[in-house]
Structures are given as structure tokens and as C-alpha cells.
Protein backbone atom coordinates (compact mmCIF):
# COMPACT_ATOMS: atom_id res chain seq x y z
CA MET A 1 100.60 113.93 73.85
CA LYS A 2 103.39 110.69 72.60
CA PHE A 3 104.58 109.10 74.92
CA GLN A 4 108.02 106.92 74.89
CA LYS A 5 108.77 103.85 77.17
CA ILE A 6 112.02 103.80 78.80
CA SER A 7 112.59 100.89 77.80
CA ALA A 8 114.62 98.10 80.67
CA THR A 9 117.79 99.01 78.43
CA LEU A 10 118.30 102.52 78.60
CA ALA A 11 117.32 102.61 82.18
CA LEU A 12 120.72 100.43 82.65
CA ALA A 13 122.07 102.68 80.31
CA SER A 14 121.17 106.16 82.03
CA LEU A 15 121.43 104.03 85.66
CA LEU A 16 121.77 106.79 88.15
CA ALA A 17 121.00 105.38 91.41
CA ALA A 18 120.15 101.14 92.66
CA ALA A 19 117.64 99.08 89.65
CA THR A 20 114.01 99.50 92.08
CA SER A 21 114.58 95.93 92.54
CA CYS A 22 116.80 97.19 96.09
CA LYS A 23 115.52 96.63 98.89
CA ASP A 24 117.10 100.12 101.05
CA PHE A 25 117.53 103.98 100.48
CA TYR A 26 120.44 103.32 102.80
CA ASP A 27 122.06 101.19 99.86
CA VAL A 28 120.98 103.56 97.44
CA ASN A 29 122.81 106.21 99.70
CA LYS A 30 126.17 104.44 100.32
CA ASN A 31 126.94 102.47 97.39
CA PRO A 32 125.88 105.26 93.97
CA LEU A 33 126.03 103.95 90.97
CA ALA A 34 125.09 106.56 88.94
CA PRO A 35 127.83 107.62 86.26
CA THR A 36 129.79 111.51 86.34
CA SER A 37 126.66 113.05 83.75
CA THR A 38 124.39 112.12 81.28
CA THR A 39 122.65 114.23 78.73
CA LEU A 40 119.12 115.02 80.66
CA ASN A 41 116.38 114.71 77.87
CA THR A 42 117.71 111.10 78.71
CA LEU A 43 117.50 111.90 82.47
CA LEU A 44 113.92 113.58 82.89
CA PRO A 45 111.49 110.61 80.98
CA VAL A 46 113.17 108.52 83.80
CA VAL A 47 111.95 110.22 85.89
CA GLN A 48 108.64 110.85 85.06
CA VAL A 49 108.47 107.50 84.60
CA SER A 50 109.51 105.85 87.49
CA MET A 51 107.35 108.99 89.65
CA ALA A 52 103.89 108.57 88.51
CA SER A 53 104.40 104.39 88.52
CA ASP A 54 106.14 104.49 91.95
CA LEU A 55 103.32 106.74 93.41
CA GLY A 56 100.22 105.22 90.63
CA ASP A 57 97.45 103.01 90.80
CA ASN A 58 99.92 99.22 90.10
CA VAL A 59 101.33 96.42 91.70
CA GLY A 60 104.28 98.13 92.74
CA GLY A 61 102.01 102.00 93.15
CA LEU A 62 101.86 103.30 96.98
CA SER A 63 98.04 104.35 95.14
CA GLN A 64 96.65 100.70 95.26
CA TYR A 65 97.93 100.27 99.20
CA THR A 66 96.20 103.44 99.35
CA MET A 67 93.66 102.62 97.74
CA ALA A 68 92.67 99.19 99.93
CA LEU A 69 93.50 101.92 102.94
CA MET A 70 89.97 104.62 101.68
CA GLN A 71 88.33 101.00 100.56
CA GLN A 72 88.35 101.96 97.01
CA LEU A 73 89.67 98.84 96.31
CA TYR A 74 90.50 95.38 97.85
CA ASN A 75 93.66 92.66 96.98
CA THR A 76 94.94 89.97 98.60
CA ARG A 77 97.46 92.47 100.16
CA SER A 78 97.09 92.59 104.21
CA ILE A 79 97.22 96.39 104.10
CA GLY A 80 93.35 96.57 103.41
CA ASN A 81 92.57 94.87 106.06
CA PHE A 82 94.85 97.61 108.19
CA THR A 83 98.32 95.07 108.81
CA GLN A 84 101.88 96.63 107.66
CA THR A 85 105.05 95.77 108.57
CA GLY A 86 108.58 97.07 108.47
CA ASN A 87 108.39 95.22 105.26
CA SER A 88 105.34 96.30 104.01
CA PHE A 89 106.80 100.28 101.56
CA GLY A 90 110.16 99.48 100.91
CA GLY A 91 110.54 98.57 96.99
CA GLN A 92 108.50 101.96 96.90
CA TRP A 93 110.33 104.28 99.33
CA ALA A 94 113.62 103.22 97.56
CA ASP A 95 113.00 103.21 94.27
CA LEU A 96 111.14 107.05 95.27
CA TYR A 97 114.73 107.61 96.47
CA SER A 98 117.03 106.03 93.37
CA SER A 99 114.75 105.98 90.44
CA VAL A 100 113.03 109.28 91.20
CA LEU A 101 114.93 111.83 93.50
CA VAL A 102 119.19 111.40 92.38
CA ASN A 103 117.73 110.86 88.85
CA ASN A 104 116.38 114.36 89.35
CA GLU A 105 118.57 115.41 91.73
CA LEU A 106 121.59 115.13 88.75
CA VAL A 107 119.19 116.93 86.51
CA ILE A 108 119.02 119.78 89.01
CA THR A 109 123.18 119.74 89.50
CA GLN A 110 124.11 118.94 85.34
CA GLY A 111 120.56 121.57 83.99
CA THR A 112 122.78 124.35 86.95
CA ARG A 113 126.27 123.29 85.29
CA GLU A 114 125.20 123.98 81.83
CA GLN A 115 122.80 126.37 82.13
CA GLN A 116 119.36 124.32 80.50
CA TRP A 117 117.48 126.39 84.01
CA VAL A 118 113.72 125.10 82.40
CA TYR A 119 115.07 121.45 82.99
CA VAL A 120 116.22 123.02 86.26
CA GLY A 121 113.20 123.99 87.46
CA ILE A 122 111.25 121.23 85.77
CA ALA A 123 113.39 118.59 88.40
CA GLN A 124 112.93 120.65 90.79
CA LEU A 125 109.46 121.66 90.36
CA GLN A 126 108.97 117.24 90.56
CA LYS A 127 111.91 117.30 93.92
CA ALA A 128 108.64 119.28 95.43
CA TYR A 129 105.74 117.50 94.38
CA VAL A 130 107.51 114.16 94.92
CA TYR A 131 108.69 114.38 98.93
CA SER A 132 105.10 116.64 99.63
CA GLN A 133 104.39 112.95 98.23
CA MET A 134 106.58 110.95 101.61
CA VAL A 135 106.08 113.61 103.57
CA ASP A 136 102.16 113.02 103.92
CA LEU A 137 102.84 109.27 103.96
CA TRP A 138 105.87 108.42 106.30
CA GLY A 139 105.82 111.66 108.58
CA ASP A 140 109.56 112.49 108.34
CA VAL A 141 112.60 111.50 105.92
CA PRO A 142 115.99 112.49 104.03
CA TYR A 143 115.60 115.30 102.68
CA SER A 144 118.06 117.62 103.46
CA GLN A 145 121.31 115.02 103.75
CA ALA A 146 119.38 113.14 101.05
CA LEU A 147 120.54 112.60 97.94
CA LYS A 148 124.14 113.39 97.51
CA GLY A 149 126.37 110.13 98.21
CA VAL A 150 129.45 109.45 99.50
CA GLU A 151 129.22 113.09 100.38
CA ASN A 152 126.40 111.81 103.19
CA ILE A 153 125.82 108.05 103.14
CA SER A 154 123.81 108.62 106.81
CA PRO A 155 121.05 111.32 105.70
CA ARG A 156 119.53 112.78 108.73
CA PHE A 157 115.33 112.17 108.49
CA ASP A 158 113.79 115.77 108.66
CA LYS A 159 110.93 116.76 110.74
CA ASP A 160 107.67 117.14 108.27
CA GLU A 161 107.32 120.57 109.62
CA GLU A 162 110.60 121.33 108.82
CA ILE A 163 110.27 119.94 105.22
CA TYR A 164 106.78 121.45 104.06
CA ASN A 165 108.01 124.82 105.76
CA GLY A 166 111.97 125.17 106.54
CA SER A 167 113.71 125.09 110.08
CA THR A 168 114.34 128.46 111.74
CA ASP A 169 118.13 127.80 110.96
CA GLY A 170 117.89 127.92 107.51
CA SER A 171 119.47 124.74 107.12
CA VAL A 172 116.34 123.07 105.70
CA GLN A 173 114.35 124.28 102.60
CA SER A 174 111.01 124.47 102.39
CA LEU A 175 109.36 122.75 99.66
CA PHE A 176 107.37 126.59 99.36
CA SER A 177 111.03 128.35 98.82
CA LEU A 178 112.36 125.06 96.21
CA ILE A 179 108.56 125.06 94.29
CA ASP A 180 109.61 129.79 94.09
CA GLU A 181 113.01 128.84 93.08
CA GLY A 182 111.30 125.74 89.73
CA ILE A 183 109.30 128.65 88.67
CA ALA A 184 112.16 131.06 88.68
CA ASN A 185 114.03 128.70 86.59
CA LEU A 186 111.32 128.42 84.69
CA SER A 187 111.58 132.22 83.06
CA LYS A 188 115.01 132.61 82.93
CA PRO A 189 117.21 132.63 79.03
CA SER A 190 118.11 128.77 77.86
CA SER A 191 118.40 126.62 75.04
CA ASN A 192 116.51 123.85 75.57
CA ALA A 193 115.60 122.40 72.45
CA ASP A 194 114.93 118.71 73.42
CA LEU A 195 112.46 119.71 75.51
CA THR A 196 109.37 118.92 73.79
CA ARG A 197 110.86 114.50 73.77
CA ALA A 198 111.98 114.19 77.02
CA ASP A 199 109.47 116.26 78.91
CA LEU A 200 106.70 113.37 79.41
CA ILE A 201 104.02 115.09 81.02
CA TYR A 202 104.15 119.24 79.84
CA ASN A 203 106.46 118.32 76.51
CA GLY A 204 108.87 121.18 78.14
CA SER A 205 106.25 124.15 78.54
CA PRO A 206 107.01 126.42 80.68
CA ASP A 207 104.38 128.10 81.40
CA LYS A 208 102.31 125.13 81.85
CA TRP A 209 104.72 123.43 84.90
CA ARG A 210 104.71 127.66 86.30
CA ARG A 211 101.04 127.19 86.70
CA PHE A 212 101.42 123.36 87.55
CA GLY A 213 103.97 125.02 90.79
CA ASN A 214 101.68 126.86 91.59
CA THR A 215 98.47 125.00 92.21
CA LEU A 216 100.94 122.70 93.87
CA LYS A 217 101.77 125.17 96.53
CA LEU A 218 98.03 125.66 96.69
CA LYS A 219 97.14 122.57 97.36
CA LEU A 220 100.03 122.09 99.88
CA TYR A 221 99.27 125.75 101.43
CA ASN A 222 95.99 123.54 102.50
CA GLN A 223 97.04 120.79 103.06
CA ILE A 224 98.93 122.95 106.28
CA ARG A 225 95.87 124.61 106.36
CA LEU A 226 94.30 123.73 110.34
CA THR A 227 98.28 124.62 111.71
CA ARG A 228 98.30 128.22 110.73
CA ASP A 229 96.59 130.68 109.26
CA VAL A 230 97.19 130.29 105.38
CA THR A 231 94.64 132.96 104.11
CA PRO A 232 97.73 135.91 102.75
CA ASN A 233 98.97 132.60 101.21
CA VAL A 234 96.56 131.49 99.16
CA THR A 235 94.43 134.42 98.82
CA PRO A 236 96.42 135.96 95.77
CA LEU A 237 97.16 132.25 94.43
CA LEU A 238 92.84 132.44 94.32
CA THR A 239 92.81 135.91 92.45
CA ALA A 240 95.05 134.43 90.09
CA SER A 241 93.70 131.60 89.19
CA SER A 242 94.53 132.11 85.28
CA ASP A 243 97.85 131.22 87.09
CA LEU A 244 97.09 127.91 88.00
CA LEU A 245 96.49 124.69 86.18
CA GLN A 246 93.75 124.20 83.64
CA GLU A 247 91.53 122.45 81.38
CA GLY A 248 93.15 120.70 79.92
CA GLU A 249 96.66 120.63 81.69
CA ASP A 250 96.50 117.55 84.35
CA PHE A 251 100.05 116.60 85.88
CA GLU A 252 100.00 113.48 84.84
CA LEU A 253 101.27 110.45 82.38
CA ALA A 254 100.23 109.57 79.43
CA TYR A 255 99.76 105.47 78.01
CA ARG A 256 100.12 103.41 74.64
CA ASN A 257 98.68 101.10 73.68
CA THR A 258 101.87 98.62 72.81
CA THR A 259 103.53 96.48 74.00
CA ASN A 260 106.94 95.94 72.66
CA PRO A 261 108.35 98.73 74.24
CA ASP A 262 105.33 97.91 76.64
CA ASN A 263 103.95 100.86 76.96
CA ARG A 264 100.38 100.54 78.59
CA ASN A 265 98.84 101.42 81.75
CA PRO A 266 100.60 99.46 84.27
CA GLY A 267 97.66 99.05 86.37
CA TYR A 268 96.06 96.84 83.61
CA VAL A 269 98.65 95.01 82.53
CA PHE A 270 97.80 93.53 86.19
CA ASP A 271 93.85 94.20 86.35
CA PHE A 272 92.88 93.14 82.70
CA SER A 273 95.27 89.28 83.31
CA THR A 274 94.08 86.41 83.86
CA ASN A 275 94.25 86.03 87.49
CA PRO A 276 93.63 90.46 88.88
CA GLU A 277 94.86 92.34 91.47
CA ASN A 278 91.83 94.09 92.19
CA ARG A 279 88.89 93.79 93.48
CA ILE A 280 86.80 96.74 94.25
CA GLY A 281 85.36 97.82 98.07
CA ARG A 282 82.23 97.13 99.10
CA TYR A 283 80.72 100.95 100.09
CA PHE A 284 82.67 102.90 97.85
CA TYR A 285 80.26 100.80 94.66
CA GLU A 286 77.38 101.11 97.20
CA GLY A 287 77.72 104.75 97.60
CA MET A 288 77.88 104.88 93.99
CA LEU A 289 75.01 102.93 93.56
CA ALA A 290 72.77 104.68 95.63
CA ARG A 291 72.92 108.34 94.63
CA ASN A 292 72.58 107.44 91.07
CA ASP A 293 76.26 107.74 89.61
CA PRO A 294 76.61 107.05 86.20
CA ARG A 295 79.77 106.88 86.58
CA MET A 296 79.61 103.29 87.25
CA PRO A 297 80.33 101.60 83.95
CA TYR A 298 83.30 103.42 83.17
CA TYR A 299 84.91 102.78 86.77
CA PHE A 300 83.86 99.06 87.40
CA PHE A 301 83.68 96.34 85.10
CA ASN A 302 81.96 92.89 85.71
CA GLN A 303 83.02 89.95 84.52
CA VAL A 304 79.54 88.77 85.06
CA ALA A 305 76.84 89.69 82.16
CA LYS A 306 73.87 91.40 82.91
CA THR A 307 71.59 88.94 82.40
CA ALA A 308 73.19 86.67 83.91
CA PRO A 309 71.86 84.46 86.46
CA THR A 310 72.99 85.27 89.65
CA THR A 311 76.13 84.75 90.79
CA THR A 312 76.09 82.85 93.88
CA GLN A 313 78.50 81.54 96.33
CA GLN A 314 80.90 84.65 96.47
CA ASP A 315 81.67 87.01 99.31
CA TYR A 316 79.79 89.67 98.22
CA VAL A 317 77.41 89.97 95.24
CA ASN A 318 74.75 92.63 94.06
CA GLY A 319 73.52 91.51 90.46
CA PRO A 320 76.67 91.63 87.99
CA PHE A 321 78.93 93.12 90.39
CA VAL A 322 81.44 90.53 93.05
CA THR A 323 84.01 91.06 95.49
CA VAL A 324 85.40 90.67 98.53
CA ARG A 325 85.74 92.51 102.04
CA PRO A 326 88.90 92.64 103.97
CA GLY A 327 88.41 91.29 106.66
CA SER A 328 85.52 89.04 106.06
CA THR A 329 84.09 86.42 107.81
CA GLY A 330 82.20 84.79 105.86
CA GLN A 331 82.16 80.87 104.19
CA TYR A 332 82.97 82.27 100.53
CA THR A 333 85.55 84.33 101.24
CA ALA A 334 88.78 82.44 99.78
CA SER A 335 85.73 81.76 96.45
CA ALA A 336 85.47 85.94 95.98
CA SER A 337 89.16 85.40 94.26
CA THR A 338 87.85 83.18 91.86
CA ALA A 339 89.39 85.25 88.58
CA SER A 340 87.04 84.73 86.48
CA PHE A 341 83.78 86.34 88.81
CA GLN A 342 85.28 89.24 90.97
CA THR A 343 84.69 93.06 89.44
CA VAL A 344 87.50 94.89 88.51
CA GLN A 345 88.79 98.24 87.92
CA GLY A 346 87.43 99.59 84.74
CA LEU A 347 87.83 102.12 81.64
CA TYR A 348 88.50 105.59 83.99
CA PRO A 349 91.86 104.22 86.46
CA ILE A 350 93.69 102.00 84.44
CA GLY A 351 92.22 101.70 80.92
CA GLY A 352 90.66 98.55 80.86
CA ARG A 353 86.76 98.66 79.28
CA TYR A 354 84.05 100.53 80.09
CA ASP A 355 81.59 98.12 81.41
CA GLU A 356 78.45 97.27 78.54
CA GLY A 357 76.83 95.07 80.70
CA LYS A 358 78.58 92.15 78.72
CA GLY A 359 80.54 90.98 80.92
CA GLY A 360 83.27 88.85 79.90
CA LYS A 361 87.16 87.50 81.35
CA THR A 362 89.75 89.28 81.42
CA GLY A 363 92.75 87.89 80.03
CA THR A 364 90.59 87.69 77.17
CA LYS A 365 90.97 89.52 73.66
CA GLU A 366 87.39 90.11 73.73
CA VAL A 367 87.57 92.52 77.18
CA ALA A 368 90.67 93.69 76.26
CA GLY A 369 91.29 97.56 76.97
CA LYS A 370 93.56 100.04 75.14
CA ALA A 371 95.47 100.22 78.66
CA GLU A 372 96.17 104.10 77.62
CA ALA A 373 94.63 105.49 80.60
CA PRO A 374 96.87 108.46 82.25
CA GLN A 375 98.28 108.18 85.69
CA ARG A 376 96.49 110.84 87.02
CA LEU A 377 98.90 113.09 89.70
CA LEU A 378 97.45 116.57 90.65
CA THR A 379 94.60 117.05 88.59
CA TYR A 380 92.16 120.54 87.97
CA TYR A 381 89.46 118.96 89.07
CA ALA A 382 91.56 118.56 92.01
CA ARG A 383 92.23 122.49 92.18
CA LYS A 384 88.97 123.74 92.69
CA TYR A 385 87.57 120.86 94.63
CA THR A 386 91.28 122.28 96.86
CA GLU A 387 89.38 125.67 96.14
CA ALA A 388 86.21 124.78 97.76
CA GLU A 389 87.32 123.85 100.31
CA LEU A 390 89.37 126.57 101.33
CA GLN A 391 86.68 129.13 100.55
CA LEU A 392 85.38 127.55 102.82
CA THR A 393 87.18 126.48 105.97
CA VAL A 394 89.86 129.50 105.40
CA LEU A 395 88.04 131.95 103.27
CA ASN A 396 84.85 131.47 105.17
CA ASN A 397 82.35 132.13 102.11
CA PRO A 398 80.18 129.40 101.77
CA VAL A 399 78.77 130.51 98.39
CA ALA A 400 81.95 130.80 96.59
CA ALA A 401 82.91 127.77 98.39
CA ARG A 402 80.12 126.21 95.89
CA GLU A 403 81.00 127.49 92.76
CA ALA A 404 83.94 126.01 92.77
CA PHE A 405 82.61 123.08 93.87
CA VAL A 406 80.33 123.27 90.73
CA GLU A 407 82.94 123.79 88.40
CA ALA A 408 84.69 120.91 90.28
CA LEU A 409 81.79 118.60 89.56
CA ASN A 410 81.26 119.43 85.91
CA ALA A 411 85.42 119.88 85.52
CA SER A 412 85.32 115.43 87.04
CA PHE A 413 82.59 114.40 84.57
CA ARG A 414 83.86 115.49 81.48
CA LYS A 415 87.98 114.00 82.61
CA VAL A 416 85.67 110.45 82.60
CA ASN A 417 84.76 112.12 79.15
CA ALA A 418 87.05 113.07 77.81
CA ILE A 419 89.17 109.65 78.76
CA ALA A 420 85.65 107.40 76.77
CA THR A 421 86.56 110.18 73.86
CA ALA A 422 89.84 109.30 73.48
CA ASP A 423 88.26 105.22 74.79
CA GLY A 424 86.17 105.11 71.92
CA SER A 425 83.71 104.62 74.35
CA PRO A 426 80.08 106.26 74.20
CA VAL A 427 80.45 109.07 77.09
CA MET A 428 78.00 110.55 79.34
CA THR A 429 74.54 113.07 78.80
CA ALA A 430 74.32 116.43 79.37
CA THR A 431 71.46 114.81 80.90
CA GLN A 432 73.20 112.07 83.07
CA ILE A 433 75.46 114.81 84.12
CA THR A 434 73.09 117.04 85.46
CA GLY A 435 70.48 114.43 86.55
CA TYR A 436 73.40 113.56 89.59
CA LEU A 437 74.31 116.48 90.21
CA ASN A 438 71.10 118.39 90.52
CA ARG A 439 69.23 114.80 92.08
CA LEU A 440 66.88 115.83 94.92
CA ASP A 441 65.04 114.14 97.06
CA ASN A 442 61.85 112.42 97.35
CA GLY A 443 61.50 111.13 100.95
CA THR A 444 62.08 107.49 101.45
CA ALA A 445 62.76 106.85 97.60
CA VAL A 446 65.19 109.04 97.41
CA PRO A 447 66.60 109.73 101.08
CA VAL A 448 68.13 112.94 101.38
CA ALA A 449 71.42 111.50 102.22
CA ASN A 450 71.45 110.05 97.77
CA SER A 451 70.28 113.07 96.38
CA GLY A 452 72.49 115.46 94.31
CA PRO A 453 75.40 116.71 95.48
CA LEU A 454 74.53 120.02 95.20
CA ASN A 455 70.90 118.97 97.34
CA ARG A 456 73.03 117.91 99.96
CA TYR A 457 75.81 120.96 99.99
CA ASP A 458 73.10 122.68 100.43
CA LYS A 459 71.17 121.22 102.82
CA ALA A 460 74.18 120.99 105.21
CA ALA A 461 73.71 122.23 108.59
CA THR A 462 76.88 123.17 108.54
CA ASN A 463 80.47 124.08 107.47
CA ASP A 464 81.75 121.17 108.67
CA GLU A 465 78.60 119.25 107.15
CA LYS A 466 79.13 120.99 103.38
CA LEU A 467 82.86 119.51 103.97
CA GLU A 468 82.05 116.04 104.12
CA VAL A 469 79.77 116.52 100.78
CA ILE A 470 82.73 118.10 98.52
CA MET A 471 85.12 115.46 99.97
CA TYR A 472 82.91 112.83 99.25
CA GLU A 473 82.63 114.15 95.96
CA LYS A 474 86.43 114.19 95.81
CA TYR A 475 87.43 111.43 97.22
CA VAL A 476 85.08 110.11 94.55
CA ALA A 477 86.26 111.65 91.32
CA SER A 478 90.04 110.43 92.74
CA TYR A 479 89.94 106.74 91.86
CA GLY A 480 92.45 105.25 90.59
CA TYR A 481 95.46 108.04 92.73
CA GLY A 482 94.78 106.66 96.46
CA VAL A 483 97.85 108.65 97.35
CA ASP A 484 95.87 112.37 98.23
CA VAL A 485 92.29 110.22 99.23
CA PHE A 486 94.16 108.96 102.02
CA THR A 487 95.80 112.09 103.05
CA ASP A 488 92.82 114.03 102.27
CA PHE A 489 90.74 111.69 104.77
CA ARG A 490 93.13 112.63 107.73
CA ARG A 491 93.44 115.90 107.56
CA THR A 492 89.35 116.62 107.43
CA LYS A 493 88.82 112.75 108.48
CA HIS A 494 86.11 113.39 105.56
CA PRO A 495 84.21 111.66 103.73
CA ARG A 496 83.16 108.83 106.26
CA ILE A 497 84.10 105.96 105.52
CA ARG A 498 82.66 101.93 106.79
CA VAL A 499 85.60 99.70 108.10
CA SER A 500 85.78 96.74 109.98
CA GLN A 501 84.38 97.49 113.77
CA GLN A 502 87.57 96.57 115.66
CA VAL A 503 89.18 99.93 113.72
CA ALA A 504 85.96 102.06 113.96
CA ASN A 505 86.49 105.33 115.37
CA ALA A 506 83.39 107.65 114.56
CA SER A 507 85.57 110.30 115.92
CA ARG A 508 88.82 110.67 112.28
CA GLY A 509 85.46 109.63 109.82
CA LEU A 510 85.47 105.79 110.42
CA LEU A 511 82.37 104.13 111.18
CA PRO A 512 81.39 100.60 111.85
CA ASP A 513 80.65 98.27 109.23
CA ASP A 514 77.18 95.75 109.19
CA GLY A 515 79.61 93.42 111.54
CA GLY A 516 80.38 90.86 109.12
CA THR A 517 84.67 91.34 108.82
CA ILE A 518 87.20 91.76 110.89
CA GLY A 519 89.72 93.96 111.58
CA ASN A 520 93.84 93.30 112.34
CA GLY A 521 95.71 96.84 114.15
CA VAL A 522 95.01 100.41 113.82
CA PHE A 523 94.22 103.05 110.80
CA PRO A 524 96.71 104.26 110.44
CA ARG A 525 97.72 107.75 109.83
CA ARG A 526 101.05 106.81 108.57
CA LEU A 527 103.08 104.33 106.79
CA LEU A 528 106.26 102.23 108.04
CA TYR A 529 109.80 102.99 107.49
CA PRO A 530 111.52 99.73 105.56
CA SER A 531 113.17 97.92 108.66
CA SER A 532 116.19 97.98 106.74
CA ASP A 533 117.11 101.69 106.77
CA LEU A 534 116.63 102.29 110.56
CA LEU A 535 118.76 99.40 111.28
CA LEU A 536 121.98 101.13 108.59
CA ASN A 537 121.31 104.49 109.08
CA PRO A 538 122.82 105.67 111.82
CA ASN A 539 120.60 109.07 112.19
CA SER A 540 116.73 107.32 111.33
CA PRO A 541 114.82 107.00 113.44
CA LYS A 542 115.90 103.88 115.10
CA VAL A 543 112.46 103.09 115.70
CA ASN A 544 109.19 103.83 113.66
CA LYS A 545 106.98 105.60 114.83
CA ALA A 546 102.98 104.52 116.18
CA GLU A 547 101.16 103.87 113.58
CA ASP A 548 98.33 105.75 114.57
CA ALA A 549 100.34 108.78 115.05
CA PRO A 550 99.49 112.06 112.75
CA ILE A 551 101.44 113.45 110.31
CA PHE A 552 102.25 117.51 111.47
CA TRP A 553 99.23 119.08 109.25
CA GLU A 554 96.69 116.78 111.52
CA HIS A 555 97.10 118.91 114.35
């Protein structure tokens, strides 16, 4: 798929709300800068580029923060050590409204006026997706009264559960109803000749968007399965599997290796600079290492060569792998941030380098990557992991769950190989993949915990133990899109992760680490609202809920 970056000039020319530097949503809603109309083929790509950036794995994206919470990454910002304030996520909150949702709403209203129904359907599905992600992170958010500009400058914060399911009085449309409307509009007669270039995700294909919409419904029903019986909702979706995302139809945004304009993966721009943004989580790496996971050279790039002398005076070193631990009490914590040594994100998540073991300094031509890895948002393999979870927990069918799990595993490996092939890097062999999937326990040399996922699944005594295996593998496969990883963990308490002892809580899947770190606060169940929104909007909640107050679907 060809990707044309939306330049700053174009973004300004088609400005439909405040720029991304806005401090809060309330100001955007109070003083919209939207022109009365613009072209739909200009609006749609602005929405899609901003959506991927705001939710994705980059310095300003919410995935980078949530990956830090889930101990996949660590960076110099404090969220990985469980500290957040009312200013932590104001930029992302504002941009999701101003650059994504406001522009997207204009696609809906203008597309309806012009009877460009495929545009309308696409925008409705994007709206449902973005709002579901915001509810999953913040809980109650402005929804039914938002995006109206001067018609309502103080929108109420609708309840999280009502945004998902709708309100009894009909004032809040459910996300499921919104998705159904979007799917219906995709089938209406419409002249959308320019959609092939304007739609950066599916090139204007109504069929692919319809399958995305059905898969999104399946995902959301899975997320609320603890609140009600979703069997009648998910059974027809699972039965008509051809109406769900197929392989090669991932909901993602592609990037290209050009710098004028800059079309590169934005995560690459920071982590393959002279001063990388992120380190890799110790226990995330150790889990993959213990299981001999062949994806490691695609996931991580070691700046230290495999044959180099062991690096010293670093917080954590394992051969060429170097990182710092959040809240570390080690004497070399400061030096562990040295840009010349740390292991960084690699090819798979951000289009960096495949690790051949030769090392090299980021920010140099010698280790430059193509920066073309897509920002994954909702994938085929995630669909199959969702099916495995539903078959196990809702339909109580471990055999069907295993079948879906096997396909999820294989699809996740095929996705890594597809990115490697596009990059011109080596691919994993069938022997490597099957060796990982089918690795057997062998006493102390390979304990059951470090055996292959199928062996662990088959030997799990309970469905909850089987779910741990499924969610661990989904956790690893989803590296690069942290929002859903964070949501999955809060919903299921799986996979268990290691955190500072001050934060540990086994009942929530939070196991204590080796005692060498100190945590601040609590492991959050939600992100905090921007302080300015609470201050300026008279219909806001006034104060943030406690950080450990659950989102409705956790009950």
C-alpha cells in the first residue's frame, strides 16, 4: 500500500480543529477553527495518520506509555514507574479529539450531505474504534455531546458502560450500534472514486472495512464478557468467520522510507536517533530468552556486538543485551541510560534493524533501518487470539480454543516474517517456528514454564491456567501496540508480569521483582484526565477518579 504523509502544510490547510499542541480538549471544543467545508479525500488521511500516531508506539503515542506500564519498555518518563499526573496525557487526549475525532466527525457530516456513504461508513467505524480505545484508557469520556463545537461547549462525560452499551433513555448511542450503522453505510450506493488514494488503510475497500467492523465488534464483546453473557452476540460472529478480518487485512498504517516529506515510522525516528527514547523491559526480554523465542532479533536491536567484551557498569546486562529497570536502586542506574549501550526496539515494532549480532550505534548510517514497519492497530492474529479467549472462557470449549490458539500463534510468526521480507531481512524458518511452538519440557533443562506454548496449554490443569498461556503469547505478539496489551491485562489479570515489590499484587497478576527496584504509587487501572479539562468544563467530573478505580468491563 502506498502511503503519502500528511505534511504540516496540508494539515494546516485542512485544519479542522486546534493543532496538536493544544493543551486540552475543552479549548478545542470551545473555539473550533474548522472551516465550513473541505474535501473528504483531504480529511480522511489526516484522521488516519493522527489516529496511528496518537495511539501508536512513538514518543507521543499512547502505546509507548502503556508498553512501559506493561514492562515491555522503559523510558525516562515516569509512567513506567507508576507515576502519572493530570498533565501526563493531555497532549494525546487533546489530539485524539482535535486531530482525529473532530476531523472524523466532519467526514461523517459532510459525507452524509454529499451522500458519499463509503466515506461515512469508514468514519463511523473509525469513530467507534477510537472511542473504544479512549474508554479503555480513561473510562468516562465526552461522547454523546462532544464534537459539536459551539453548539455544546461543555460536553458531559458519558459513563464508560453506556458508551459501550448505550443508555436506557437512548441519549447515548452504543458503540455496537455505531459499528452497525457504519457497516450498513458501506453497502449503500455511492461515488467514491478518490477513496483508493485517500484511504491509507484499506484503499477504499468496503469489504475490508466491513470485516474490520465485525472484528471490532467481536473484540468489544470479548472485552465486556465479565459484565454479561455475550454468547448470543459472539456465536454468529464466530460462525461467519469469513466476515471477520482475514490474513493480510490488518487494520494498520503503513510507512515509507522517505524524509522529505518524512514518511518514516515515527517510533523509529526517536529510537534510532543518536539518543534513543526507550529501553527494553528486563522481564519481557528474559521471558522470551528462557523460551528460546526466535523473534528476539526482530524485536530487539543490541548496540553491543555479540562478540564484544561484556559491558560493565550498567544496570542490567545479559551478554549484548543492556537495559535499565524502572525504579532501579542499582549503583549504575544513571549510566544504564547511556545511548551507546542500551538495547533498543528493533525491526518488528518500528522498522529498525534486524539484529545480526554485529552491534552498532543508533543514529549512524551503519545501523540505519528502513523505518517502514506499519503501526499495527488491530490484526488478524489478534482476532484469532480473541477467538481463543472466547472459546475458552465464554463457550467453555478448550478444544476449539486450542485450534484458534494454534492459528493465532502461526499468524503472529507469519506477521513478523512478512515485515522481515518487506525489509529484506532474514526470515524465521519453519523449523525455528515449530521448534518454539512444540518445545517440550525436559526436566531442569527445560521446565514446563519454559516449554513451548502448546505444551504449556495442554498441561495446564484449569481454564484459567490455559488463559495465562494464551494471554502471554498475545502479549508477546502484540509488542508495538501497548493500548490493547494494557487493556487485556486489566481485564484478565494475564499474563502475570513482574513489578516493583511496592506495587505487586498477585490477585491482579502483579508479581514482585527481585527487590532491586522501588515503585511509586499504584499500578493504574486508568489514565488520569488532563487537569485543564476538569477545571474549565463545568460538566466534567471535577476530580479524577482514583488511579486504581476499574473500568466497567473489569467487573
